């Protein structure tokens, strides 16, 4: 409310960083996806 431009700028920078092609899932992210696909009962991932 006080300074929306500063807040937008902060998250724009975070978003731009996240979308950098160098930022990719690592082996831990991939292992959790593999668990969900292979597990026969419910797997809920909360992040």
ModelCIF file with pLDDT and N, C-alpha, C, O atoms, coordinates in Angstrom:
data_MODEL
#
_entry.id   MODEL 
#
_entity.id                         1 
_entity.type                       polymer 
_entity.pdbx_number_of_molecules   1 
#
_entity_poly.entity_id                      1 
_entity_poly.type                           'polypeptide(L)' 
_entity_poly.nstd_linkage                   no 
_entity_poly.nstd_monomer                   no 
_entity_poly.pdbx_seq_one_letter_code       
;(UNK)(UNK)(UNK)(UNK)(UNK)(UNK)(UNK)(UNK)(UNK)(UNK)(UNK)(UNK)(UNK)(UNK)(UNK)(UNK)
(UNK)(UNK)(UNK)(UNK)(UNK)(UNK)(UNK)(UNK)(UNK)(UNK)(UNK)(UNK)(UNK)(UNK)(UNK)(UNK)
(UNK)(UNK)(UNK)(UNK)(UNK)(UNK)(UNK)(UNK)(UNK)(UNK)(UNK)(UNK)(UNK)(UNK)(UNK)
;
_entity_poly.pdbx_seq_one_letter_code_can   XXXXXXXXXXXXXXXXXXXXXXXXXXXXXXXXXXXXXXXXXXXXXXX 
_entity_poly.pdbx_strand_id                 A 
#
loop_
_entity_poly_seq.entity_id 
_entity_poly_seq.num 
_entity_poly_seq.mon_id 
_entity_poly_seq.hetero 
1 1  UNK n 
1 2  UNK n 
1 3  UNK n 
1 4  UNK n 
1 5  UNK n 
1 6  UNK n 
1 7  UNK n 
1 8  UNK n 
1 9  UNK n 
1 10 UNK n 
1 11 UNK n 
1 12 UNK n 
1 13 UNK n 
1 14 UNK n 
1 15 UNK n 
1 16 UNK n 
1 17 UNK n 
1 18 UNK n 
1 19 UNK n 
1 20 UNK n 
1 21 UNK n 
1 22 UNK n 
1 23 UNK n 
1 24 UNK n 
1 25 UNK n 
1 26 UNK n 
1 27 UNK n 
1 28 UNK n 
1 29 UNK n 
1 30 UNK n 
1 31 UNK n 
1 32 UNK n 
1 33 UNK n 
1 34 UNK n 
1 35 UNK n 
1 36 UNK n 
1 37 UNK n 
1 38 UNK n 
1 39 UNK n 
1 40 UNK n 
1 41 UNK n 
1 42 UNK n 
1 43 UNK n 
1 44 UNK n 
1 45 UNK n 
1 46 UNK n 
1 47 UNK n 
#
_struct_asym.id          A 
_struct_asym.entity_id   1 
#
loop_
_ma_qa_metric.id 
_ma_qa_metric.mode 
_ma_qa_metric.name 
_ma_qa_metric.software_group_id 
_ma_qa_metric.type 
1 global pLDDT . pLDDT 
2 local  pLDDT . pLDDT 
#
_ma_qa_metric_global.metric_id      1 
_ma_qa_metric_global.metric_value   96.00 
_ma_qa_metric_global.model_id       1 
_ma_qa_metric_global.ordinal_id     1 
#
loop_
_ma_qa_metric_local.label_asym_id 
_ma_qa_metric_local.label_comp_id 
_ma_qa_metric_local.label_seq_id 
_ma_qa_metric_local.metric_id 
_ma_qa_metric_local.metric_value 
_ma_qa_metric_local.model_id 
_ma_qa_metric_local.ordinal_id 
A UNK 1  2 95.00 1 1  
A UNK 2  2 94.00 1 2  
A UNK 3  2 94.00 1 3  
A UNK 4  2 96.00 1 4  
A UNK 5  2 95.00 1 5  
A UNK 6  2 93.00 1 6  
A UNK 7  2 95.00 1 7  
A UNK 8  2 96.00 1 8  
A UNK 9  2 94.00 1 9  
A UNK 10 2 93.00 1 10 
A UNK 11 2 95.00 1 11 
A UNK 12 2 96.00 1 12 
A UNK 13 2 92.00 1 13 
A UNK 14 2 94.00 1 14 
A UNK 15 2 95.00 1 15 
A UNK 16 2 94.00 1 16 
A UNK 17 2 93.00 1 17 
A UNK 18 2 95.00 1 18 
A UNK 19 2 96.00 1 19 
A UNK 20 2 95.00 1 20 
A UNK 21 2 96.00 1 21 
A UNK 22 2 96.00 1 22 
A UNK 23 2 96.00 1 23 
A UNK 24 2 97.00 1 24 
A UNK 25 2 98.00 1 25 
A UNK 26 2 98.00 1 26 
A UNK 27 2 98.00 1 27 
A UNK 28 2 98.00 1 28 
A UNK 29 2 98.00 1 29 
A UNK 30 2 98.00 1 30 
A UNK 31 2 98.00 1 31 
A UNK 32 2 98.00 1 32 
A UNK 33 2 98.00 1 33 
A UNK 34 2 98.00 1 34 
A UNK 35 2 98.00 1 35 
A UNK 36 2 97.00 1 36 
A UNK 37 2 97.00 1 37 
A UNK 38 2 96.00 1 38 
A UNK 39 2 97.00 1 39 
A UNK 40 2 95.00 1 40 
A UNK 41 2 94.00 1 41 
A UNK 42 2 94.00 1 42 
A UNK 43 2 97.00 1 43 
A UNK 44 2 98.00 1 44 
A UNK 45 2 98.00 1 45 
A UNK 46 2 98.00 1 46 
A UNK 47 2 98.00 1 47 
#
loop_
_atom_site.group_PDB 
_atom_site.id 
_atom_site.type_symbol 
_atom_site.label_atom_id 
_atom_site.label_alt_id 
_atom_site.label_comp_id 
_atom_site.label_asym_id 
_atom_site.label_entity_id 
_atom_site.label_seq_id 
_atom_site.pdbx_PDB_ins_code 
_atom_site.Cartn_x 
_atom_site.Cartn_y 
_atom_site.Cartn_z 
_atom_site.occupancy 
_atom_site.B_iso_or_equiv 
_atom_site.pdbx_formal_charge 
_atom_site.auth_seq_id 
_atom_site.auth_comp_id 
_atom_site.auth_asym_id 
_atom_site.auth_atom_id 
_atom_site.pdbx_PDB_model_num 
ATOM 1   N N  . UNK A 1 1  ? 0.836  -1.205  0.000   1.00 95.00 ? 1  UNK A N  1 
ATOM 2   C CA . UNK A 1 1  ? 0.000  0.000   0.000   1.00 95.00 ? 1  UNK A CA 1 
ATOM 3   C C  . UNK A 1 1  ? 0.870  1.253   0.000   1.00 95.00 ? 1  UNK A C  1 
ATOM 4   O O  . UNK A 1 1  ? 0.578  2.227   -0.695  1.00 95.00 ? 1  UNK A O  1 
ATOM 5   N N  . UNK A 1 2  ? 1.932  1.213   0.782   1.00 94.00 ? 2  UNK A N  1 
ATOM 6   C CA . UNK A 1 2  ? 2.800  2.383   0.943   1.00 94.00 ? 2  UNK A CA 1 
ATOM 7   C C  . UNK A 1 2  ? 3.684  2.646   -0.279  1.00 94.00 ? 2  UNK A C  1 
ATOM 8   O O  . UNK A 1 2  ? 3.866  3.795   -0.681  1.00 94.00 ? 2  UNK A O  1 
ATOM 9   N N  . UNK A 1 3  ? 4.229  1.585   -0.864  1.00 94.00 ? 3  UNK A N  1 
ATOM 10  C CA . UNK A 1 3  ? 5.198  1.770   -1.956  1.00 94.00 ? 3  UNK A CA 1 
ATOM 11  C C  . UNK A 1 3  ? 5.113  0.592   -2.918  1.00 94.00 ? 3  UNK A C  1 
ATOM 12  O O  . UNK A 1 3  ? 6.016  -0.244  -2.953  1.00 94.00 ? 3  UNK A O  1 
ATOM 13  N N  . UNK A 1 4  ? 4.035  0.517   -3.703  1.00 96.00 ? 4  UNK A N  1 
ATOM 14  C CA . UNK A 1 4  ? 3.857  -0.635  -4.582  1.00 96.00 ? 4  UNK A CA 1 
ATOM 15  C C  . UNK A 1 4  ? 4.959  -0.775  -5.629  1.00 96.00 ? 4  UNK A C  1 
ATOM 16  O O  . UNK A 1 4  ? 5.281  -1.894  -6.027  1.00 96.00 ? 4  UNK A O  1 
ATOM 17  N N  . UNK A 1 5  ? 5.542  0.326   -6.080  1.00 95.00 ? 5  UNK A N  1 
ATOM 18  C CA . UNK A 1 5  ? 6.590  0.230   -7.096  1.00 95.00 ? 5  UNK A CA 1 
ATOM 19  C C  . UNK A 1 5  ? 7.820  -0.508  -6.565  1.00 95.00 ? 5  UNK A C  1 
ATOM 20  O O  . UNK A 1 5  ? 8.419  -1.317  -7.274  1.00 95.00 ? 5  UNK A O  1 
ATOM 21  N N  . UNK A 1 6  ? 8.192  -0.223  -5.313  1.00 93.00 ? 6  UNK A N  1 
ATOM 22  C CA . UNK A 1 6  ? 9.328  -0.928  -4.724  1.00 93.00 ? 6  UNK A CA 1 
ATOM 23  C C  . UNK A 1 6  ? 9.024  -2.414  -4.561  1.00 93.00 ? 6  UNK A C  1 
ATOM 24  O O  . UNK A 1 6  ? 9.877  -3.259  -4.831  1.00 93.00 ? 6  UNK A O  1 
ATOM 25  N N  . UNK A 1 7  ? 7.822  -2.728  -4.124  1.00 95.00 ? 7  UNK A N  1 
ATOM 26  C CA . UNK A 1 7  ? 7.441  -4.131  -3.951  1.00 95.00 ? 7  UNK A CA 1 
ATOM 27  C C  . UNK A 1 7  ? 7.438  -4.842  -5.298  1.00 95.00 ? 7  UNK A C  1 
ATOM 28  O O  . UNK A 1 7  ? 7.967  -5.947  -5.412  1.00 95.00 ? 7  UNK A O  1 
ATOM 29  N N  . UNK A 1 8  ? 6.855  -4.231  -6.307  1.00 96.00 ? 8  UNK A N  1 
ATOM 30  C CA . UNK A 1 8  ? 6.872  -4.837  -7.641  1.00 96.00 ? 8  UNK A CA 1 
ATOM 31  C C  . UNK A 1 8  ? 8.315  -5.058  -8.107  1.00 96.00 ? 8  UNK A C  1 
ATOM 32  O O  . UNK A 1 8  ? 8.644  -6.119  -8.637  1.00 96.00 ? 8  UNK A O  1 
ATOM 33  N N  . UNK A 1 9  ? 9.158  -4.069  -7.911  1.00 94.00 ? 9  UNK A N  1 
ATOM 34  C CA . UNK A 1 9  ? 10.539 -4.195  -8.350  1.00 94.00 ? 9  UNK A CA 1 
ATOM 35  C C  . UNK A 1 9  ? 11.268 -5.346  -7.690  1.00 94.00 ? 9  UNK A C  1 
ATOM 36  O O  . UNK A 1 9  ? 12.042 -6.056  -8.332  1.00 94.00 ? 9  UNK A O  1 
ATOM 37  N N  . UNK A 1 10 ? 11.016 -5.527  -6.395  1.00 93.00 ? 10 UNK A N  1 
ATOM 38  C CA . UNK A 1 10 ? 11.654 -6.621  -5.661  1.00 93.00 ? 10 UNK A CA 1 
ATOM 39  C C  . UNK A 1 10 ? 11.254 -7.969  -6.244  1.00 93.00 ? 10 UNK A C  1 
ATOM 40  O O  . UNK A 1 10 ? 12.117 -8.806  -6.510  1.00 93.00 ? 10 UNK A O  1 
ATOM 41  N N  . UNK A 1 11 ? 9.959  -8.191  -6.445  1.00 95.00 ? 11 UNK A N  1 
ATOM 42  C CA . UNK A 1 11 ? 9.505  -9.482  -6.948  1.00 95.00 ? 11 UNK A CA 1 
ATOM 43  C C  . UNK A 1 11 ? 9.769  -9.652  -8.436  1.00 95.00 ? 11 UNK A C  1 
ATOM 44  O O  . UNK A 1 11 ? 9.933  -10.780 -8.902  1.00 95.00 ? 11 UNK A O  1 
ATOM 45  N N  . UNK A 1 12 ? 9.812  -8.578  -9.182  1.00 96.00 ? 12 UNK A N  1 
ATOM 46  C CA . UNK A 1 12 ? 10.221 -8.686  -10.587 1.00 96.00 ? 12 UNK A CA 1 
ATOM 47  C C  . UNK A 1 12 ? 11.643 -9.229  -10.684 1.00 96.00 ? 12 UNK A C  1 
ATOM 48  O O  . UNK A 1 12 ? 11.944 -10.069 -11.532 1.00 96.00 ? 12 UNK A O  1 
ATOM 49  N N  . UNK A 1 13 ? 12.507 -8.738  -9.807  1.00 92.00 ? 13 UNK A N  1 
ATOM 50  C CA . UNK A 1 13 ? 13.899 -9.221  -9.801  1.00 92.00 ? 13 UNK A CA 1 
ATOM 51  C C  . UNK A 1 13 ? 13.959 -10.687 -9.399  1.00 92.00 ? 13 UNK A C  1 
ATOM 52  O O  . UNK A 1 13 ? 14.720 -11.456 -9.987  1.00 92.00 ? 13 UNK A O  1 
ATOM 53  N N  . UNK A 1 14 ? 13.168 -11.089 -8.403  1.00 94.00 ? 14 UNK A N  1 
ATOM 54  C CA . UNK A 1 14 ? 13.142 -12.498 -7.999  1.00 94.00 ? 14 UNK A CA 1 
ATOM 55  C C  . UNK A 1 14 ? 12.629 -13.374 -9.147  1.00 94.00 ? 14 UNK A C  1 
ATOM 56  O O  . UNK A 1 14 ? 13.167 -14.450 -9.406  1.00 94.00 ? 14 UNK A O  1 
ATOM 57  N N  . UNK A 1 15 ? 11.587 -12.901 -9.827  1.00 95.00 ? 15 UNK A N  1 
ATOM 58  C CA . UNK A 1 15 ? 11.010 -13.675 -10.932 1.00 95.00 ? 15 UNK A CA 1 
ATOM 59  C C  . UNK A 1 15 ? 12.000 -13.796 -12.087 1.00 95.00 ? 15 UNK A C  1 
ATOM 60  O O  . UNK A 1 15 ? 12.164 -14.871 -12.664 1.00 95.00 ? 15 UNK A O  1 
ATOM 61  N N  . UNK A 1 16 ? 12.646 -12.707 -12.412 1.00 94.00 ? 16 UNK A N  1 
ATOM 62  C CA . UNK A 1 16 ? 13.639 -12.742 -13.483 1.00 94.00 ? 16 UNK A CA 1 
ATOM 63  C C  . UNK A 1 16 ? 14.758 -13.725 -13.159 1.00 94.00 ? 16 UNK A C  1 
ATOM 64  O O  . UNK A 1 16 ? 15.226 -14.455 -14.033 1.00 94.00 ? 16 UNK A O  1 
ATOM 65  N N  . UNK A 1 17 ? 15.183 -13.738 -11.902 1.00 93.00 ? 17 UNK A N  1 
ATOM 66  C CA . UNK A 1 17 ? 16.217 -14.679 -11.495 1.00 93.00 ? 17 UNK A CA 1 
ATOM 67  C C  . UNK A 1 17 ? 15.762 -16.118 -11.618 1.00 93.00 ? 17 UNK A C  1 
ATOM 68  O O  . UNK A 1 17 ? 16.516 -16.974 -12.080 1.00 93.00 ? 17 UNK A O  1 
ATOM 69  N N  . UNK A 1 18 ? 14.527 -16.391 -11.205 1.00 95.00 ? 18 UNK A N  1 
ATOM 70  C CA . UNK A 1 18 ? 13.991 -17.742 -11.284 1.00 95.00 ? 18 UNK A CA 1 
ATOM 71  C C  . UNK A 1 18 ? 13.907 -18.227 -12.724 1.00 95.00 ? 18 UNK A C  1 
ATOM 72  O O  . UNK A 1 18 ? 14.139 -19.404 -12.999 1.00 95.00 ? 18 UNK A O  1 
ATOM 73  N N  . UNK A 1 19 ? 13.577 -17.327 -13.642 1.00 96.00 ? 19 UNK A N  1 
ATOM 74  C CA . UNK A 1 19 ? 13.391 -17.699 -15.043 1.00 96.00 ? 19 UNK A CA 1 
ATOM 75  C C  . UNK A 1 19 ? 14.683 -17.696 -15.847 1.00 96.00 ? 19 UNK A C  1 
ATOM 76  O O  . UNK A 1 19 ? 14.666 -17.970 -17.047 1.00 96.00 ? 19 UNK A O  1 
ATOM 77  N N  . UNK A 1 20 ? 15.791 -17.394 -15.205 1.00 95.00 ? 20 UNK A N  1 
ATOM 78  C CA . UNK A 1 20 ? 17.093 -17.516 -15.858 1.00 95.00 ? 20 UNK A CA 1 
ATOM 79  C C  . UNK A 1 20 ? 17.278 -18.976 -16.297 1.00 95.00 ? 20 UNK A C  1 
ATOM 80  O O  . UNK A 1 20 ? 17.083 -19.882 -15.487 1.00 95.00 ? 20 UNK A O  1 
ATOM 81  N N  . UNK A 1 21 ? 17.645 -19.218 -17.541 1.00 96.00 ? 21 UNK A N  1 
ATOM 82  C CA . UNK A 1 21 ? 17.799 -20.604 -18.009 1.00 96.00 ? 21 UNK A CA 1 
ATOM 83  C C  . UNK A 1 21 ? 18.788 -21.428 -17.182 1.00 96.00 ? 21 UNK A C  1 
ATOM 84  O O  . UNK A 1 21 ? 18.739 -22.657 -17.205 1.00 96.00 ? 21 UNK A O  1 
ATOM 85  N N  . UNK A 1 22 ? 19.675 -20.765 -16.462 1.00 96.00 ? 22 UNK A N  1 
ATOM 86  C CA . UNK A 1 22 ? 20.643 -21.493 -15.635 1.00 96.00 ? 22 UNK A CA 1 
ATOM 87  C C  . UNK A 1 22 ? 20.000 -22.112 -14.399 1.00 96.00 ? 22 UNK A C  1 
ATOM 88  O O  . UNK A 1 22 ? 20.573 -23.024 -13.803 1.00 96.00 ? 22 UNK A O  1 
ATOM 89  N N  . UNK A 1 23 ? 18.827 -21.635 -14.004 1.00 96.00 ? 23 UNK A N  1 
ATOM 90  C CA . UNK A 1 23 ? 18.143 -22.145 -12.815 1.00 96.00 ? 23 UNK A CA 1 
ATOM 91  C C  . UNK A 1 23 ? 17.257 -23.317 -13.220 1.00 96.00 ? 23 UNK A C  1 
ATOM 92  O O  . UNK A 1 23 ? 16.262 -23.147 -13.925 1.00 96.00 ? 23 UNK A O  1 
ATOM 93  N N  . UNK A 1 24 ? 17.630 -24.492 -12.772 1.00 97.00 ? 24 UNK A N  1 
ATOM 94  C CA . UNK A 1 24 ? 16.924 -25.707 -13.155 1.00 97.00 ? 24 UNK A CA 1 
ATOM 95  C C  . UNK A 1 24 ? 16.714 -26.598 -11.931 1.00 97.00 ? 24 UNK A C  1 
ATOM 96  O O  . UNK A 1 24 ? 17.457 -26.480 -10.957 1.00 97.00 ? 24 UNK A O  1 
ATOM 97  N N  . UNK A 1 25 ? 15.719 -27.484 -11.959 1.00 98.00 ? 25 UNK A N  1 
ATOM 98  C CA . UNK A 1 25 ? 15.552 -28.442 -10.863 1.00 98.00 ? 25 UNK A CA 1 
ATOM 99  C C  . UNK A 1 25 ? 16.819 -29.270 -10.676 1.00 98.00 ? 25 UNK A C  1 
ATOM 100 O O  . UNK A 1 25 ? 17.532 -29.574 -11.632 1.00 98.00 ? 25 UNK A O  1 
ATOM 101 N N  . UNK A 1 26 ? 17.078 -29.624 -9.421  1.00 98.00 ? 26 UNK A N  1 
ATOM 102 C CA . UNK A 1 26 ? 18.238 -30.454 -9.149  1.00 98.00 ? 26 UNK A CA 1 
ATOM 103 C C  . UNK A 1 26 ? 17.796 -31.894 -8.844  1.00 98.00 ? 26 UNK A C  1 
ATOM 104 O O  . UNK A 1 26 ? 16.617 -32.233 -8.941  1.00 98.00 ? 26 UNK A O  1 
ATOM 105 N N  . UNK A 1 27 ? 18.763 -32.714 -8.479  1.00 98.00 ? 27 UNK A N  1 
ATOM 106 C CA . UNK A 1 27 ? 18.491 -34.138 -8.277  1.00 98.00 ? 27 UNK A CA 1 
ATOM 107 C C  . UNK A 1 27 ? 17.470 -34.394 -7.171  1.00 98.00 ? 27 UNK A C  1 
ATOM 108 O O  . UNK A 1 27 ? 16.756 -35.396 -7.213  1.00 98.00 ? 27 UNK A O  1 
ATOM 109 N N  . UNK A 1 28 ? 17.392 -33.503 -6.185  1.00 98.00 ? 28 UNK A N  1 
ATOM 110 C CA . UNK A 1 28 ? 16.410 -33.680 -5.108  1.00 98.00 ? 28 UNK A CA 1 
ATOM 111 C C  . UNK A 1 28 ? 14.992 -33.450 -5.623  1.00 98.00 ? 28 UNK A C  1 
ATOM 112 O O  . UNK A 1 28 ? 14.091 -34.234 -5.324  1.00 98.00 ? 28 UNK A O  1 
ATOM 113 N N  . UNK A 1 29 ? 14.785 -32.377 -6.400  1.00 98.00 ? 29 UNK A N  1 
ATOM 114 C CA . UNK A 1 29 ? 13.465 -32.144 -7.010  1.00 98.00 ? 29 UNK A CA 1 
ATOM 115 C C  . UNK A 1 29 ? 13.056 -33.342 -7.867  1.00 98.00 ? 29 UNK A C  1 
ATOM 116 O O  . UNK A 1 29 ? 11.919 -33.810 -7.808  1.00 98.00 ? 29 UNK A O  1 
ATOM 117 N N  . UNK A 1 30 ? 14.002 -33.822 -8.656  1.00 98.00 ? 30 UNK A N  1 
ATOM 118 C CA . UNK A 1 30 ? 13.702 -34.924 -9.571  1.00 98.00 ? 30 UNK A CA 1 
ATOM 119 C C  . UNK A 1 30 ? 13.384 -36.205 -8.819  1.00 98.00 ? 30 UNK A C  1 
ATOM 120 O O  . UNK A 1 30 ? 12.523 -36.975 -9.245  1.00 98.00 ? 30 UNK A O  1 
ATOM 121 N N  . UNK A 1 31 ? 14.070 -36.443 -7.704  1.00 98.00 ? 31 UNK A N  1 
ATOM 122 C CA . UNK A 1 31 ? 13.808 -37.650 -6.918  1.00 98.00 ? 31 UNK A CA 1 
ATOM 123 C C  . UNK A 1 31 ? 12.400 -37.628 -6.321  1.00 98.00 ? 31 UNK A C  1 
ATOM 124 O O  . UNK A 1 31 ? 11.737 -38.663 -6.264  1.00 98.00 ? 31 UNK A O  1 
ATOM 125 N N  . UNK A 1 32 ? 11.945 -36.466 -5.881  1.00 98.00 ? 32 UNK A N  1 
ATOM 126 C CA . UNK A 1 32 ? 10.604 -36.369 -5.303  1.00 98.00 ? 32 UNK A CA 1 
ATOM 127 C C  . UNK A 1 32 ? 9.540  -36.586 -6.365  1.00 98.00 ? 32 UNK A C  1 
ATOM 128 O O  . UNK A 1 32 ? 8.515  -37.213 -6.097  1.00 98.00 ? 32 UNK A O  1 
ATOM 129 N N  . UNK A 1 33 ? 9.772  -36.076 -7.565  1.00 98.00 ? 33 UNK A N  1 
ATOM 130 C CA . UNK A 1 33 ? 8.828  -36.328 -8.658  1.00 98.00 ? 33 UNK A CA 1 
ATOM 131 C C  . UNK A 1 33 ? 8.790  -37.816 -9.004  1.00 98.00 ? 33 UNK A C  1 
ATOM 132 O O  . UNK A 1 33 ? 7.727  -38.368 -9.291  1.00 98.00 ? 33 UNK A O  1 
ATOM 133 N N  . UNK A 1 34 ? 9.943  -38.451 -8.975  1.00 98.00 ? 34 UNK A N  1 
ATOM 134 C CA . UNK A 1 34 ? 10.030 -39.884 -9.263  1.00 98.00 ? 34 UNK A CA 1 
ATOM 135 C C  . UNK A 1 34 ? 9.287  -40.691 -8.195  1.00 98.00 ? 34 UNK A C  1 
ATOM 136 O O  . UNK A 1 34 ? 8.621  -41.677 -8.509  1.00 98.00 ? 34 UNK A O  1 
ATOM 137 N N  . UNK A 1 35 ? 9.404  -40.269 -6.935  1.00 98.00 ? 35 UNK A N  1 
ATOM 138 C CA . UNK A 1 35 ? 8.680  -40.947 -5.857  1.00 98.00 ? 35 UNK A CA 1 
ATOM 139 C C  . UNK A 1 35 ? 7.179  -40.857 -6.074  1.00 98.00 ? 35 UNK A C  1 
ATOM 140 O O  . UNK A 1 35 ? 6.466  -41.854 -5.960  1.00 98.00 ? 35 UNK A O  1 
ATOM 141 N N  . UNK A 1 36 ? 6.704  -39.661 -6.388  1.00 97.00 ? 36 UNK A N  1 
ATOM 142 C CA . UNK A 1 36 ? 5.262  -39.494 -6.594  1.00 97.00 ? 36 UNK A CA 1 
ATOM 143 C C  . UNK A 1 36 ? 4.758  -40.396 -7.718  1.00 97.00 ? 36 UNK A C  1 
ATOM 144 O O  . UNK A 1 36 ? 3.691  -40.998 -7.597  1.00 97.00 ? 36 UNK A O  1 
ATOM 145 N N  . UNK A 1 37 ? 5.510  -40.493 -8.797  1.00 97.00 ? 37 UNK A N  1 
ATOM 146 C CA . UNK A 1 37 ? 5.083  -41.282 -9.949  1.00 97.00 ? 37 UNK A CA 1 
ATOM 147 C C  . UNK A 1 37 ? 5.093  -42.774 -9.658  1.00 97.00 ? 37 UNK A C  1 
ATOM 148 O O  . UNK A 1 37 ? 4.271  -43.517 -10.195 1.00 97.00 ? 37 UNK A O  1 
ATOM 149 N N  . UNK A 1 38 ? 6.024  -43.222 -8.805  1.00 96.00 ? 38 UNK A N  1 
ATOM 150 C CA . UNK A 1 38 ? 6.186  -44.659 -8.580  1.00 96.00 ? 38 UNK A CA 1 
ATOM 151 C C  . UNK A 1 38 ? 5.440  -45.187 -7.366  1.00 96.00 ? 38 UNK A C  1 
ATOM 152 O O  . UNK A 1 38 ? 5.188  -46.388 -7.274  1.00 96.00 ? 38 UNK A O  1 
ATOM 153 N N  . UNK A 1 39 ? 5.080  -44.303 -6.424  1.00 97.00 ? 39 UNK A N  1 
ATOM 154 C CA . UNK A 1 39 ? 4.522  -44.759 -5.146  1.00 97.00 ? 39 UNK A CA 1 
ATOM 155 C C  . UNK A 1 39 ? 3.065  -45.174 -5.314  1.00 97.00 ? 39 UNK A C  1 
ATOM 156 O O  . UNK A 1 39 ? 2.299  -44.461 -5.962  1.00 97.00 ? 39 UNK A O  1 
ATOM 157 N N  . UNK A 1 40 ? 2.665  -46.314 -4.744  1.00 95.00 ? 40 UNK A N  1 
ATOM 158 C CA . UNK A 1 40 ? 1.310  -46.821 -4.973  1.00 95.00 ? 40 UNK A CA 1 
ATOM 159 C C  . UNK A 1 40 ? 0.232  -46.170 -4.118  1.00 95.00 ? 40 UNK A C  1 
ATOM 160 O O  . UNK A 1 40 ? -0.954 -46.348 -4.397  1.00 95.00 ? 40 UNK A O  1 
ATOM 161 N N  . UNK A 1 41 ? 0.609  -45.423 -3.087  1.00 94.00 ? 41 UNK A N  1 
ATOM 162 C CA . UNK A 1 41 ? -0.393 -44.722 -2.288  1.00 94.00 ? 41 UNK A CA 1 
ATOM 163 C C  . UNK A 1 41 ? -0.124 -43.223 -2.363  1.00 94.00 ? 41 UNK A C  1 
ATOM 164 O O  . UNK A 1 41 ? 0.739  -42.776 -3.117  1.00 94.00 ? 41 UNK A O  1 
ATOM 165 N N  . UNK A 1 42 ? -0.869 -42.453 -1.577  1.00 94.00 ? 42 UNK A N  1 
ATOM 166 C CA . UNK A 1 42 ? -0.839 -40.996 -1.709  1.00 94.00 ? 42 UNK A CA 1 
ATOM 167 C C  . UNK A 1 42 ? 0.497  -40.387 -1.287  1.00 94.00 ? 42 UNK A C  1 
ATOM 168 O O  . UNK A 1 42 ? 1.047  -40.733 -0.242  1.00 94.00 ? 42 UNK A O  1 
ATOM 169 N N  . UNK A 1 43 ? 1.006  -39.484 -2.110  1.00 97.00 ? 43 UNK A N  1 
ATOM 170 C CA . UNK A 1 43 ? 2.166  -38.664 -1.788  1.00 97.00 ? 43 UNK A CA 1 
ATOM 171 C C  . UNK A 1 43 ? 1.754  -37.206 -1.978  1.00 97.00 ? 43 UNK A C  1 
ATOM 172 O O  . UNK A 1 43 ? 1.395  -36.795 -3.081  1.00 97.00 ? 43 UNK A O  1 
ATOM 173 N N  . UNK A 1 44 ? 1.808  -36.434 -0.905  1.00 98.00 ? 44 UNK A N  1 
ATOM 174 C CA . UNK A 1 44 ? 1.495  -35.007 -0.982  1.00 98.00 ? 44 UNK A CA 1 
ATOM 175 C C  . UNK A 1 44 ? 2.771  -34.225 -0.703  1.00 98.00 ? 44 UNK A C  1 
ATOM 176 O O  . UNK A 1 44 ? 3.426  -34.423 0.320   1.00 98.00 ? 44 UNK A O  1 
ATOM 177 N N  . UNK A 1 45 ? 3.110  -33.342 -1.619  1.00 98.00 ? 45 UNK A N  1 
ATOM 178 C CA . UNK A 1 45 ? 4.278  -32.482 -1.467  1.00 98.00 ? 45 UNK A CA 1 
ATOM 179 C C  . UNK A 1 45 ? 3.799  -31.085 -1.092  1.00 98.00 ? 45 UNK A C  1 
ATOM 180 O O  . UNK A 1 45 ? 3.063  -30.450 -1.846  1.00 98.00 ? 45 UNK A O  1 
ATOM 181 N N  . UNK A 1 46 ? 4.220  -30.612 0.075   1.00 98.00 ? 46 UNK A N  1 
ATOM 182 C CA . UNK A 1 46 ? 3.903  -29.269 0.555   1.00 98.00 ? 46 UNK A CA 1 
ATOM 183 C C  . UNK A 1 46 ? 5.198  -28.470 0.541   1.00 98.00 ? 46 UNK A C  1 
ATOM 184 O O  . UNK A 1 46 ? 6.180  -28.877 1.160   1.00 98.00 ? 46 UNK A O  1 
ATOM 185 N N  . UNK A 1 47 ? 5.212  -27.348 -0.153  1.00 98.00 ? 47 UNK A N  1 
ATOM 186 C CA . UNK A 1 47 ? 6.440  -26.569 -0.207  1.00 98.00 ? 47 UNK A CA 1 
ATOM 187 C C  . UNK A 1 47 ? 6.241  -25.172 0.354   1.00 98.00 ? 47 UNK A C  1 
ATOM 188 O O  . UNK A 1 47 ? 7.182  -24.379 0.384   1.00 98.00 ? 47 UNK A O  1 
#
